[in-house]
Full PDB file with SEQRES, HELIX, SHEET, SSBOND, CRYST1, ORIGX, SCALE, CONECT and MASTER records, all heavy atoms in Angstrom:
SEQRES   1 A   44  ALA ASP GLY ILE LEU PRO LEU GLY LEU LEU GLY ASP GLY          
SEQRES   2 A   44  ARG THR ALA ARG PHE GLN ASP ARG PRO GLN GLY PHE VAL          
SEQRES   3 A   44  SER LEU HIS GLY ALA ALA SER VAL ALA ASP LEU ASP ALA          
SEQRES   4 A   44  ALA VAL GLU ALA PRO                                          
HELIX    1 AA1 ALA A   31  ALA A   40  1                                  10    
CRYST1    1.000    1.000    1.000  90.00  90.00  90.00 P 1           1          
ORIGX1      1.000000  0.000000  0.000000        0.00000                         
ORIGX2      0.000000  1.000000  0.000000        0.00000                         
ORIGX3      0.000000  0.000000  1.000000        0.00000                         
SCALE1      1.000000  0.000000  0.000000        0.00000                         
SCALE2      0.000000  1.000000  0.000000        0.00000                         
SCALE3      0.000000  0.000000  1.000000        0.00000                         
ATOM      1  N   ALA A   1     -34.247  -6.548   2.797  1.00  0.00           N  
ATOM      2  CA  ALA A   1     -34.312  -5.101   3.164  1.00  0.00           C  
ATOM      3  C   ALA A   1     -33.920  -4.228   2.003  1.00  0.00           C  
ATOM      4  O   ALA A   1     -33.101  -4.648   1.123  1.00  0.00           O  
ATOM      5  CB  ALA A   1     -33.436  -4.855   4.362  1.00  0.00           C  
ATOM      6  N   ASP A   2     -34.456  -3.038   1.909  1.00  0.00           N  
ATOM      7  CA  ASP A   2     -34.145  -2.110   0.824  1.00  0.00           C  
ATOM      8  C   ASP A   2     -32.624  -1.803   0.789  1.00  0.00           C  
ATOM      9  O   ASP A   2     -31.979  -1.596   1.847  1.00  0.00           O  
ATOM     10  CB  ASP A   2     -34.883  -0.834   0.996  1.00  0.00           C  
ATOM     11  CG  ASP A   2     -36.419  -0.967   0.795  1.00  0.00           C  
ATOM     12  OD1 ASP A   2     -36.750  -1.966   0.136  1.00  0.00           O  
ATOM     13  OD2 ASP A   2     -37.163  -0.102   1.218  1.00  0.00           O  
ATOM     14  N   GLY A   3     -32.078  -1.852  -0.366  1.00  0.00           N  
ATOM     15  CA  GLY A   3     -30.662  -1.479  -0.518  1.00  0.00           C  
ATOM     16  C   GLY A   3     -29.614  -2.539  -0.329  1.00  0.00           C  
ATOM     17  O   GLY A   3     -28.454  -2.248  -0.347  1.00  0.00           O  
ATOM     18  N   ILE A   4     -30.067  -3.760  -0.022  1.00  0.00           N  
ATOM     19  CA  ILE A   4     -29.113  -4.819   0.248  1.00  0.00           C  
ATOM     20  C   ILE A   4     -28.620  -5.506  -1.038  1.00  0.00           C  
ATOM     21  O   ILE A   4     -27.396  -5.632  -1.240  1.00  0.00           O  
ATOM     22  CB  ILE A   4     -29.706  -5.849   1.192  1.00  0.00           C  
ATOM     23  CG1 ILE A   4     -30.141  -5.236   2.537  1.00  0.00           C  
ATOM     24  CG2 ILE A   4     -28.659  -6.954   1.437  1.00  0.00           C  
ATOM     25  CD1 ILE A   4     -29.025  -4.561   3.297  1.00  0.00           C  
ATOM     26  N   LEU A   5     -29.494  -5.950  -1.882  1.00  0.00           N  
ATOM     27  CA  LEU A   5     -29.141  -6.648  -3.095  1.00  0.00           C  
ATOM     28  C   LEU A   5     -29.278  -5.756  -4.285  1.00  0.00           C  
ATOM     29  O   LEU A   5     -30.112  -4.847  -4.352  1.00  0.00           O  
ATOM     30  CB  LEU A   5     -30.030  -7.937  -3.246  1.00  0.00           C  
ATOM     31  CG  LEU A   5     -29.874  -8.997  -2.191  1.00  0.00           C  
ATOM     32  CD1 LEU A   5     -30.871 -10.129  -2.517  1.00  0.00           C  
ATOM     33  CD2 LEU A   5     -28.483  -9.513  -2.094  1.00  0.00           C  
ATOM     34  N   PRO A   6     -28.410  -6.026  -5.319  1.00  0.00           N  
ATOM     35  CA  PRO A   6     -27.390  -7.031  -5.356  1.00  0.00           C  
ATOM     36  C   PRO A   6     -26.107  -6.650  -4.656  1.00  0.00           C  
ATOM     37  O   PRO A   6     -25.748  -5.459  -4.588  1.00  0.00           O  
ATOM     38  CB  PRO A   6     -27.096  -7.118  -6.886  1.00  0.00           C  
ATOM     39  CG  PRO A   6     -27.337  -5.766  -7.429  1.00  0.00           C  
ATOM     40  CD  PRO A   6     -28.525  -5.285  -6.612  1.00  0.00           C  
ATOM     41  N   LEU A   7     -25.439  -7.664  -4.071  1.00  0.00           N  
ATOM     42  CA  LEU A   7     -24.178  -7.422  -3.442  1.00  0.00           C  
ATOM     43  C   LEU A   7     -23.109  -7.108  -4.480  1.00  0.00           C  
ATOM     44  O   LEU A   7     -23.198  -7.559  -5.634  1.00  0.00           O  
ATOM     45  CB  LEU A   7     -23.737  -8.665  -2.613  1.00  0.00           C  
ATOM     46  CG  LEU A   7     -24.644  -9.115  -1.499  1.00  0.00           C  
ATOM     47  CD1 LEU A   7     -24.151 -10.463  -0.953  1.00  0.00           C  
ATOM     48  CD2 LEU A   7     -24.743  -8.095  -0.405  1.00  0.00           C  
ATOM     49  N   GLY A   8     -22.085  -6.419  -4.066  1.00  0.00           N  
ATOM     50  CA  GLY A   8     -20.920  -6.130  -4.927  1.00  0.00           C  
ATOM     51  C   GLY A   8     -19.665  -6.429  -4.148  1.00  0.00           C  
ATOM     52  O   GLY A   8     -19.643  -6.256  -2.931  1.00  0.00           O  
ATOM     53  N   LEU A   9     -18.592  -6.825  -4.818  1.00  0.00           N  
ATOM     54  CA  LEU A   9     -17.328  -7.118  -4.159  1.00  0.00           C  
ATOM     55  C   LEU A   9     -16.367  -5.976  -4.433  1.00  0.00           C  
ATOM     56  O   LEU A   9     -15.967  -5.740  -5.607  1.00  0.00           O  
ATOM     57  CB  LEU A   9     -16.738  -8.404  -4.675  1.00  0.00           C  
ATOM     58  CG  LEU A   9     -15.392  -8.845  -4.046  1.00  0.00           C  
ATOM     59  CD1 LEU A   9     -15.486  -9.024  -2.522  1.00  0.00           C  
ATOM     60  CD2 LEU A   9     -14.910 -10.121  -4.671  1.00  0.00           C  
ATOM     61  N   LEU A  10     -15.999  -5.217  -3.398  1.00  0.00           N  
ATOM     62  CA  LEU A  10     -15.043  -4.109  -3.502  1.00  0.00           C  
ATOM     63  C   LEU A  10     -13.659  -4.500  -3.049  1.00  0.00           C  
ATOM     64  O   LEU A  10     -13.524  -5.364  -2.199  1.00  0.00           O  
ATOM     65  CB  LEU A  10     -15.544  -2.934  -2.699  1.00  0.00           C  
ATOM     66  CG  LEU A  10     -16.805  -2.234  -3.031  1.00  0.00           C  
ATOM     67  CD1 LEU A  10     -17.051  -1.062  -2.071  1.00  0.00           C  
ATOM     68  CD2 LEU A  10     -16.850  -1.770  -4.478  1.00  0.00           C  
ATOM     69  N   GLY A  11     -12.635  -3.795  -3.587  1.00  0.00           N  
ATOM     70  CA  GLY A  11     -11.291  -4.036  -3.101  1.00  0.00           C  
ATOM     71  C   GLY A  11     -10.388  -4.629  -4.134  1.00  0.00           C  
ATOM     72  O   GLY A  11     -10.849  -5.288  -5.101  1.00  0.00           O  
ATOM     73  N   ASP A  12      -9.065  -4.427  -3.961  1.00  0.00           N  
ATOM     74  CA  ASP A  12      -8.068  -4.935  -4.936  1.00  0.00           C  
ATOM     75  C   ASP A  12      -7.390  -6.190  -4.449  1.00  0.00           C  
ATOM     76  O   ASP A  12      -6.509  -6.732  -5.136  1.00  0.00           O  
ATOM     77  CB  ASP A  12      -7.060  -3.881  -5.256  1.00  0.00           C  
ATOM     78  CG  ASP A  12      -6.238  -3.403  -4.074  1.00  0.00           C  
ATOM     79  OD1 ASP A  12      -6.353  -3.950  -2.946  1.00  0.00           O  
ATOM     80  OD2 ASP A  12      -5.513  -2.395  -4.201  1.00  0.00           O  
ATOM     81  N   GLY A  13      -7.696  -6.645  -3.192  1.00  0.00           N  
ATOM     82  CA  GLY A  13      -7.069  -7.848  -2.680  1.00  0.00           C  
ATOM     83  C   GLY A  13      -5.703  -7.600  -2.122  1.00  0.00           C  
ATOM     84  O   GLY A  13      -5.056  -8.495  -1.644  1.00  0.00           O  
ATOM     85  N   ARG A  14      -5.251  -6.338  -2.140  1.00  0.00           N  
ATOM     86  CA  ARG A  14      -3.897  -6.000  -1.606  1.00  0.00           C  
ATOM     87  C   ARG A  14      -3.978  -4.912  -0.557  1.00  0.00           C  
ATOM     88  O   ARG A  14      -3.281  -4.993   0.445  1.00  0.00           O  
ATOM     89  CB  ARG A  14      -3.000  -5.547  -2.784  1.00  0.00           C  
ATOM     90  CG  ARG A  14      -2.688  -6.568  -3.835  1.00  0.00           C  
ATOM     91  CD  ARG A  14      -1.547  -6.066  -4.722  1.00  0.00           C  
ATOM     92  NE  ARG A  14      -1.162  -7.064  -5.757  1.00  0.00           N  
ATOM     93  CZ  ARG A  14      -1.464  -6.979  -7.047  1.00  0.00           C  
ATOM     94  NH1 ARG A  14      -2.069  -5.846  -7.473  1.00  0.00           N  
ATOM     95  NH2 ARG A  14      -1.094  -7.913  -7.871  1.00  0.00           N  
ATOM     96  N   THR A  15      -4.783  -3.884  -0.825  1.00  0.00           N  
ATOM     97  CA  THR A  15      -4.745  -2.721   0.025  1.00  0.00           C  
ATOM     98  C   THR A  15      -5.685  -2.884   1.227  1.00  0.00           C  
ATOM     99  O   THR A  15      -6.869  -3.159   1.064  1.00  0.00           O  
ATOM    100  CB  THR A  15      -5.191  -1.459  -0.718  1.00  0.00           C  
ATOM    101  OG1 THR A  15      -4.398  -1.345  -1.930  1.00  0.00           O  
ATOM    102  CG2 THR A  15      -5.050  -0.248   0.120  1.00  0.00           C  
ATOM    103  N   ALA A  16      -5.139  -2.849   2.432  1.00  0.00           N  
ATOM    104  CA  ALA A  16      -5.967  -2.926   3.625  1.00  0.00           C  
ATOM    105  C   ALA A  16      -6.743  -1.643   3.863  1.00  0.00           C  
ATOM    106  O   ALA A  16      -6.189  -0.650   4.271  1.00  0.00           O  
ATOM    107  CB  ALA A  16      -5.063  -3.178   4.857  1.00  0.00           C  
ATOM    108  N   ARG A  17      -8.019  -1.644   3.491  1.00  0.00           N  
ATOM    109  CA  ARG A  17      -8.759  -0.377   3.502  1.00  0.00           C  
ATOM    110  C   ARG A  17     -10.184  -0.475   4.013  1.00  0.00           C  
ATOM    111  O   ARG A  17     -10.900   0.551   3.981  1.00  0.00           O  
ATOM    112  CB  ARG A  17      -8.777   0.163   2.085  1.00  0.00           C  
ATOM    113  CG  ARG A  17      -9.436  -0.685   1.072  1.00  0.00           C  
ATOM    114  CD  ARG A  17      -9.466  -0.112  -0.315  1.00  0.00           C  
ATOM    115  NE  ARG A  17     -10.099   1.240  -0.328  1.00  0.00           N  
ATOM    116  CZ  ARG A  17     -10.662   1.737  -1.420  1.00  0.00           C  
ATOM    117  NH1 ARG A  17     -10.699   1.064  -2.518  1.00  0.00           N  
ATOM    118  NH2 ARG A  17     -11.175   2.968  -1.361  1.00  0.00           N  
ATOM    119  N   PHE A  18     -10.589  -1.622   4.461  1.00  0.00           N  
ATOM    120  CA  PHE A  18     -12.039  -1.742   4.860  1.00  0.00           C  
ATOM    121  C   PHE A  18     -12.174  -2.013   6.395  1.00  0.00           C  
ATOM    122  O   PHE A  18     -13.070  -2.711   6.812  1.00  0.00           O  
ATOM    123  CB  PHE A  18     -12.695  -2.868   4.059  1.00  0.00           C  
ATOM    124  CG  PHE A  18     -12.730  -2.529   2.593  1.00  0.00           C  
ATOM    125  CD1 PHE A  18     -12.052  -3.357   1.695  1.00  0.00           C  
ATOM    126  CD2 PHE A  18     -13.372  -1.441   2.097  1.00  0.00           C  
ATOM    127  CE1 PHE A  18     -12.065  -3.082   0.331  1.00  0.00           C  
ATOM    128  CE2 PHE A  18     -13.410  -1.155   0.731  1.00  0.00           C  
ATOM    129  CZ  PHE A  18     -12.771  -2.018  -0.153  1.00  0.00           C  
ATOM    130  N   GLN A  19     -11.269  -1.431   7.123  1.00  0.00           N  
ATOM    131  CA  GLN A  19     -11.401  -1.534   8.629  1.00  0.00           C  
ATOM    132  C   GLN A  19     -12.527  -0.628   9.124  1.00  0.00           C  
ATOM    133  O   GLN A  19     -12.973   0.273   8.400  1.00  0.00           O  
ATOM    134  CB  GLN A  19     -10.077  -1.191   9.291  1.00  0.00           C  
ATOM    135  CG  GLN A  19      -9.058  -2.251   9.278  1.00  0.00           C  
ATOM    136  CD  GLN A  19      -8.263  -2.356   7.972  1.00  0.00           C  
ATOM    137  OE1 GLN A  19      -8.539  -1.588   7.041  1.00  0.00           O  
ATOM    138  NE2 GLN A  19      -7.411  -3.352   7.840  1.00  0.00           N  
ATOM    139  N   ASP A  20     -12.930  -0.838  10.405  1.00  0.00           N  
ATOM    140  CA  ASP A  20     -13.969   0.007  10.992  1.00  0.00           C  
ATOM    141  C   ASP A  20     -13.436   1.388  11.425  1.00  0.00           C  
ATOM    142  O   ASP A  20     -14.257   2.301  11.552  1.00  0.00           O  
ATOM    143  CB  ASP A  20     -14.589  -0.694  12.209  1.00  0.00           C  
ATOM    144  CG  ASP A  20     -15.205  -2.037  11.888  1.00  0.00           C  
ATOM    145  OD1 ASP A  20     -15.635  -2.197  10.754  1.00  0.00           O  
ATOM    146  OD2 ASP A  20     -15.188  -2.863  12.793  1.00  0.00           O  
ATOM    147  N   ARG A  21     -12.185   1.414  11.698  1.00  0.00           N  
ATOM    148  CA  ARG A  21     -11.606   2.656  12.306  1.00  0.00           C  
ATOM    149  C   ARG A  21     -10.713   3.408  11.316  1.00  0.00           C  
ATOM    150  O   ARG A  21     -10.060   2.829  10.497  1.00  0.00           O  
ATOM    151  CB  ARG A  21     -10.800   2.268  13.547  1.00  0.00           C  
ATOM    152  CG  ARG A  21     -11.556   1.454  14.551  1.00  0.00           C  
ATOM    153  CD  ARG A  21     -10.650   0.956  15.669  1.00  0.00           C  
ATOM    154  NE  ARG A  21     -11.350   0.178  16.671  1.00  0.00           N  
ATOM    155  CZ  ARG A  21     -11.474  -1.149  16.580  1.00  0.00           C  
ATOM    156  NH1 ARG A  21     -10.958  -1.795  15.536  1.00  0.00           N  
ATOM    157  NH2 ARG A  21     -12.081  -1.836  17.517  1.00  0.00           N  
ATOM    158  N   PRO A  22     -10.680   4.754  11.419  1.00  0.00           N  
ATOM    159  CA  PRO A  22      -9.897   5.529  10.505  1.00  0.00           C  
ATOM    160  C   PRO A  22      -8.356   5.195  10.548  1.00  0.00           C  
ATOM    161  O   PRO A  22      -7.659   5.200   9.623  1.00  0.00           O  
ATOM    162  CB  PRO A  22     -10.086   6.963  10.944  1.00  0.00           C  
ATOM    163  CG  PRO A  22     -11.444   6.940  11.661  1.00  0.00           C  
ATOM    164  CD  PRO A  22     -11.463   5.590  12.332  1.00  0.00           C  
ATOM    165  N   GLN A  23      -7.900   4.857  11.782  1.00  0.00           N  
ATOM    166  CA  GLN A  23      -6.484   4.518  11.931  1.00  0.00           C  
ATOM    167  C   GLN A  23      -6.325   3.008  12.020  1.00  0.00           C  
ATOM    168  O   GLN A  23      -7.176   2.331  12.633  1.00  0.00           O  
ATOM    169  CB  GLN A  23      -5.938   5.126  13.197  1.00  0.00           C  
ATOM    170  CG  GLN A  23      -4.430   5.045  13.297  1.00  0.00           C  
ATOM    171  CD  GLN A  23      -3.936   5.969  14.424  1.00  0.00           C  
ATOM    172  OE1 GLN A  23      -4.654   6.324  15.323  1.00  0.00           O  
ATOM    173  NE2 GLN A  23      -2.648   6.330  14.340  1.00  0.00           N  
ATOM    174  N   GLY A  24      -5.321   2.484  11.357  1.00  0.00           N  
ATOM    175  CA  GLY A  24      -5.116   1.032  11.394  1.00  0.00           C  
ATOM    176  C   GLY A  24      -4.683   0.543  12.786  1.00  0.00           C  
ATOM    177  O   GLY A  24      -3.933   1.238  13.405  1.00  0.00           O  
ATOM    178  N   PHE A  25      -5.179  -0.569  13.167  1.00  0.00           N  
ATOM    179  CA  PHE A  25      -4.771  -1.191  14.432  1.00  0.00           C  
ATOM    180  C   PHE A  25      -4.504  -2.670  14.217  1.00  0.00           C  
ATOM    181  O   PHE A  25      -5.134  -3.278  13.394  1.00  0.00           O  
ATOM    182  CB  PHE A  25      -5.835  -1.009  15.521  1.00  0.00           C  
ATOM    183  CG  PHE A  25      -6.076   0.364  16.015  1.00  0.00           C  
ATOM    184  CD1 PHE A  25      -7.164   1.136  15.571  1.00  0.00           C  
ATOM    185  CD2 PHE A  25      -5.224   0.903  16.929  1.00  0.00           C  
ATOM    186  CE1 PHE A  25      -7.372   2.391  16.093  1.00  0.00           C  
ATOM    187  CE2 PHE A  25      -5.435   2.231  17.435  1.00  0.00           C  
ATOM    188  CZ  PHE A  25      -6.451   2.951  16.984  1.00  0.00           C  
ATOM    189  N   VAL A  26      -3.566  -3.172  14.971  1.00  0.00           N  
ATOM    190  CA  VAL A  26      -3.299  -4.619  15.039  1.00  0.00           C  
ATOM    191  C   VAL A  26      -3.949  -5.116  16.367  1.00  0.00           C  
ATOM    192  O   VAL A  26      -3.727  -4.515  17.411  1.00  0.00           O  
ATOM    193  CB  VAL A  26      -1.827  -4.897  15.067  1.00  0.00           C  
ATOM    194  CG1 VAL A  26      -1.517  -6.376  15.163  1.00  0.00           C  
ATOM    195  CG2 VAL A  26      -1.189  -4.329  13.763  1.00  0.00           C  
ATOM    196  N   SER A  27      -4.711  -6.137  16.253  1.00  0.00           N  
ATOM    197  CA  SER A  27      -5.417  -6.671  17.419  1.00  0.00           C  
ATOM    198  C   SER A  27      -4.757  -7.904  18.015  1.00  0.00           C  
ATOM    199  O   SER A  27      -4.212  -8.723  17.284  1.00  0.00           O  
ATOM    200  CB  SER A  27      -6.883  -6.987  17.069  1.00  0.00           C  
ATOM    201  OG  SER A  27      -6.941  -7.861  15.953  1.00  0.00           O  
ATOM    202  N   LEU A  28      -4.772  -8.057  19.330  1.00  0.00           N  
ATOM    203  CA  LEU A  28      -4.074  -9.085  20.002  1.00  0.00           C  
ATOM    204  C   LEU A  28      -4.902  -9.577  21.223  1.00  0.00           C  
ATOM    205  O   LEU A  28      -5.535  -8.757  21.887  1.00  0.00           O  
ATOM    206  CB  LEU A  28      -2.700  -8.583  20.518  1.00  0.00           C  
ATOM    207  CG  LEU A  28      -1.830  -9.469  21.393  1.00  0.00           C  
ATOM    208  CD1 LEU A  28      -0.340  -9.185  21.179  1.00  0.00           C  
ATOM    209  CD2 LEU A  28      -2.173  -9.372  22.906  1.00  0.00           C  
ATOM    210  N   HIS A  29      -4.892 -10.856  21.458  1.00  0.00           N  
ATOM    211  CA  HIS A  29      -5.486 -11.385  22.720  1.00  0.00           C  
ATOM    212  C   HIS A  29      -4.641 -12.557  23.240  1.00  0.00           C  
ATOM    213  O   HIS A  29      -3.888 -13.168  22.405  1.00  0.00           O  
ATOM    214  CB  HIS A  29      -6.977 -11.736  22.578  1.00  0.00           C  
ATOM    215  CG  HIS A  29      -7.224 -13.032  21.787  1.00  0.00           C  
ATOM    216  ND1 HIS A  29      -7.799 -12.961  20.530  1.00  0.00           N  
ATOM    217  CD2 HIS A  29      -7.042 -14.290  22.026  1.00  0.00           C  
ATOM    218  CE1 HIS A  29      -7.954 -14.172  20.070  1.00  0.00           C  
ATOM    219  NE2 HIS A  29      -7.447 -15.059  20.960  1.00  0.00           N  
ATOM    220  N   GLY A  30      -4.856 -12.831  24.449  1.00  0.00           N  
ATOM    221  CA  GLY A  30      -4.131 -13.979  25.083  1.00  0.00           C  
ATOM    222  C   GLY A  30      -4.916 -15.251  24.931  1.00  0.00           C  
ATOM    223  O   GLY A  30      -6.175 -15.265  25.154  1.00  0.00           O  
ATOM    224  N   ALA A  31      -4.253 -16.353  24.637  1.00  0.00           N  
ATOM    225  CA  ALA A  31      -4.943 -17.695  24.522  1.00  0.00           C  
ATOM    226  C   ALA A  31      -5.620 -18.003  25.865  1.00  0.00           C  
ATOM    227  O   ALA A  31      -6.703 -18.642  25.859  1.00  0.00           O  
ATOM    228  CB  ALA A  31      -3.970 -18.766  24.067  1.00  0.00           C  
ATOM    229  N   ALA A  32      -5.000 -17.643  26.984  1.00  0.00           N  
ATOM    230  CA  ALA A  32      -5.579 -18.001  28.281  1.00  0.00           C  
ATOM    231  C   ALA A  32      -6.924 -17.317  28.507  1.00  0.00           C  
ATOM    232  O   ALA A  32      -7.771 -17.878  29.209  1.00  0.00           O  
ATOM    233  CB  ALA A  32      -4.612 -17.685  29.390  1.00  0.00           C  
ATOM    234  N   SER A  33      -7.062 -16.103  28.034  1.00  0.00           N  
ATOM    235  CA  SER A  33      -8.330 -15.358  28.205  1.00  0.00           C  
ATOM    236  C   SER A  33      -9.461 -16.096  27.466  1.00  0.00           C  
ATOM    237  O   SER A  33     -10.552 -16.256  28.042  1.00  0.00           O  
ATOM    238  CB  SER A  33      -8.174 -13.956  27.663  1.00  0.00           C  
ATOM    239  OG  SER A  33      -7.147 -13.226  28.343  1.00  0.00           O  
ATOM    240  N   VAL A  34      -9.209 -16.552  26.269  1.00  0.00           N  
ATOM    241  CA  VAL A  34     -10.197 -17.273  25.548  1.00  0.00           C  
ATOM    242  C   VAL A  34     -10.539 -18.628  26.251  1.00  0.00           C  
ATOM    243  O   VAL A  34     -11.681 -19.017  26.325  1.00  0.00           O  
ATOM    244  CB  VAL A  34      -9.778 -17.545  24.087  1.00  0.00           C  
ATOM    245  CG1 VAL A  34     -10.742 -18.418  23.357  1.00  0.00           C  
ATOM    246  CG2 VAL A  34      -9.648 -16.157  23.368  1.00  0.00           C  
ATOM    247  N   ALA A  35      -9.489 -19.306  26.713  1.00  0.00           N  
ATOM    248  CA  ALA A  35      -9.714 -20.563  27.432  1.00  0.00           C  
ATOM    249  C   ALA A  35     -10.551 -20.329  28.733  1.00  0.00           C  
ATOM    250  O   ALA A  35     -11.372 -21.155  29.066  1.00  0.00           O  
ATOM    251  CB  ALA A  35      -8.416 -21.233  27.796  1.00  0.00           C  
ATOM    252  N   ASP A  36     -10.317 -19.226  29.406  1.00  0.00           N  
ATOM    253  CA  ASP A  36     -11.087 -18.926  30.595  1.00  0.00           C  
ATOM    254  C   ASP A  36     -12.590 -18.709  30.249  1.00  0.00           C  
ATOM    255  O   ASP A  36     -13.465 -19.132  30.951  1.00  0.00           O  
ATOM    256  CB  ASP A  36     -10.495 -17.669  31.236  1.00  0.00           C  
ATOM    257  CG  ASP A  36     -10.838 -17.533  32.734  1.00  0.00           C  
ATOM    258  OD1 ASP A  36     -11.126 -18.596  33.374  1.00  0.00           O  
ATOM    259  OD2 ASP A  36     -10.831 -16.442  33.230  1.00  0.00           O  
ATOM    260  N   LEU A  37     -12.815 -17.964  29.183  1.00  0.00           N  
ATOM    261  CA  LEU A  37     -14.146 -17.700  28.732  1.00  0.00           C  
ATOM    262  C   LEU A  37     -14.827 -19.017  28.210  1.00  0.00           C  
ATOM    263  O   LEU A  37     -16.020 -19.233  28.507  1.00  0.00           O  
ATOM    264  CB  LEU A  37     -14.155 -16.625  27.596  1.00  0.00           C  
ATOM    265  CG  LEU A  37     -15.537 -16.127  27.115  1.00  0.00           C  
ATOM    266  CD1 LEU A  37     -16.324 -15.585  28.299  1.00  0.00           C  
ATOM    267  CD2 LEU A  37     -15.285 -15.062  26.074  1.00  0.00           C  
ATOM    268  N   ASP A  38     -14.067 -19.823  27.565  1.00  0.00           N  
ATOM    269  CA  ASP A  38     -14.608 -21.132  27.069  1.00  0.00           C  
ATOM    270  C   ASP A  38     -15.079 -22.008  28.256  1.00  0.00           C  
ATOM    271  O   ASP A  38     -16.154 -22.618  28.156  1.00  0.00           O  
ATOM    272  CB  ASP A  38     -13.516 -21.876  26.284  1.00  0.00           C  
ATOM    273  CG  ASP A  38     -13.947 -23.250  25.830  1.00  0.00           C  
ATOM    274  OD1 ASP A  38     -15.033 -23.352  25.281  1.00  0.00           O  
ATOM    275  OD2 ASP A  38     -13.150 -24.194  26.018  1.00  0.00           O  
ATOM    276  N   ALA A  39     -14.329 -21.943  29.347  1.00  0.00           N  
ATOM    277  CA  ALA A  39     -14.694 -22.745  30.504  1.00  0.00           C  
ATOM    278  C   ALA A  39     -15.950 -22.236  31.206  1.00  0.00           C  
ATOM    279  O   ALA A  39     -16.590 -22.942  31.965  1.00  0.00           O  
ATOM    280  CB  ALA A  39     -13.546 -22.785  31.497  1.00  0.00           C  
ATOM    281  N   ALA A  40     -16.323 -20.974  30.905  1.00  0.00           N  
ATOM    282  CA  ALA A  40     -17.507 -20.358  31.600  1.00  0.00           C  
ATOM    283  C   ALA A  40     -18.808 -20.645  30.894  1.00  0.00           C  
ATOM    284  O   ALA A  40     -19.898 -20.345  31.469  1.00  0.00           O  
ATOM    285  CB  ALA A  40     -17.265 -18.874  31.724  1.00  0.00           C  
ATOM    286  N   VAL A  41     -18.790 -21.151  29.651  1.00  0.00           N  
ATOM    287  CA  VAL A  41     -20.005 -21.384  28.939  1.00  0.00           C  
ATOM    288  C   VAL A  41     -20.040 -22.785  28.325  1.00  0.00           C  
ATOM    289  O   VAL A  41     -18.978 -23.443  28.196  1.00  0.00           O  
ATOM    290  CB  VAL A  41     -20.179 -20.356  27.771  1.00  0.00           C  
ATOM    291  CG1 VAL A  41     -20.277 -18.927  28.354  1.00  0.00           C  
ATOM    292  CG2 VAL A  41     -19.029 -20.422  26.779  1.00  0.00           C  
ATOM    293  N   GLU A  42     -21.243 -23.292  28.026  1.00  0.00           N  
ATOM    294  CA  GLU A  42     -21.327 -24.618  27.435  1.00  0.00           C  
ATOM    295  C   GLU A  42     -20.941 -24.655  26.007  1.00  0.00           C  
ATOM    296  O   GLU A  42     -20.385 -25.672  25.540  1.00  0.00           O  
ATOM    297  CB  GLU A  42     -22.770 -25.105  27.598  1.00  0.00           C  
ATOM    298  CG  GLU A  42     -23.233 -25.313  29.007  1.00  0.00           C  
ATOM    299  CD  GLU A  42     -24.595 -25.923  29.142  1.00  0.00           C  
ATOM    300  OE1 GLU A  42     -25.177 -26.234  28.084  1.00  0.00           O  
ATOM    301  OE2 GLU A  42     -25.131 -26.094  30.257  1.00  0.00           O  
ATOM    302  N   ALA A  43     -21.157 -23.606  25.253  1.00  0.00           N  
ATOM    303  CA  ALA A  43     -20.754 -23.589  23.802  1.00  0.00           C  
ATOM    304  C   ALA A  43     -19.285 -23.589  23.667  1.00  0.00           C  
ATOM    305  O   ALA A  43     -18.564 -23.059  24.505  1.00  0.00           O  
ATOM    306  CB  ALA A  43     -21.385 -22.416  23.102  1.00  0.00           C  
ATOM    307  N   PRO A  44     -18.745 -24.172  22.579  1.00  0.00           N  
ATOM    308  CA  PRO A  44     -17.267 -24.076  22.343  1.00  0.00           C  
ATOM    309  C   PRO A  44     -16.859 -22.683  21.967  1.00  0.00           C  
ATOM    310  O   PRO A  44     -17.498 -22.056  21.191  1.00  0.00           O  
ATOM    311  CB  PRO A  44     -17.104 -25.051  21.170  1.00  0.00           C  
ATOM    312  CG  PRO A  44     -18.390 -25.079  20.440  1.00  0.00           C  
ATOM    313  CD  PRO A  44     -19.462 -24.900  21.515  1.00  0.00           C  
TER     314      PRO A  44                                                      
MASTER        0    0    0    1    0    0    0    6  313    1    0    4          
END                                                                             
């Protein structure tokens, strides 16, 4: 597709700056929720 290549690598490896949202968030989930979803489908 137009505008894809060449790829470039941005960032300094230290500064957290490439999130989707303007404000930083920490994400959390419960292991039991994932296990429940795992049991509902054939794929791992």
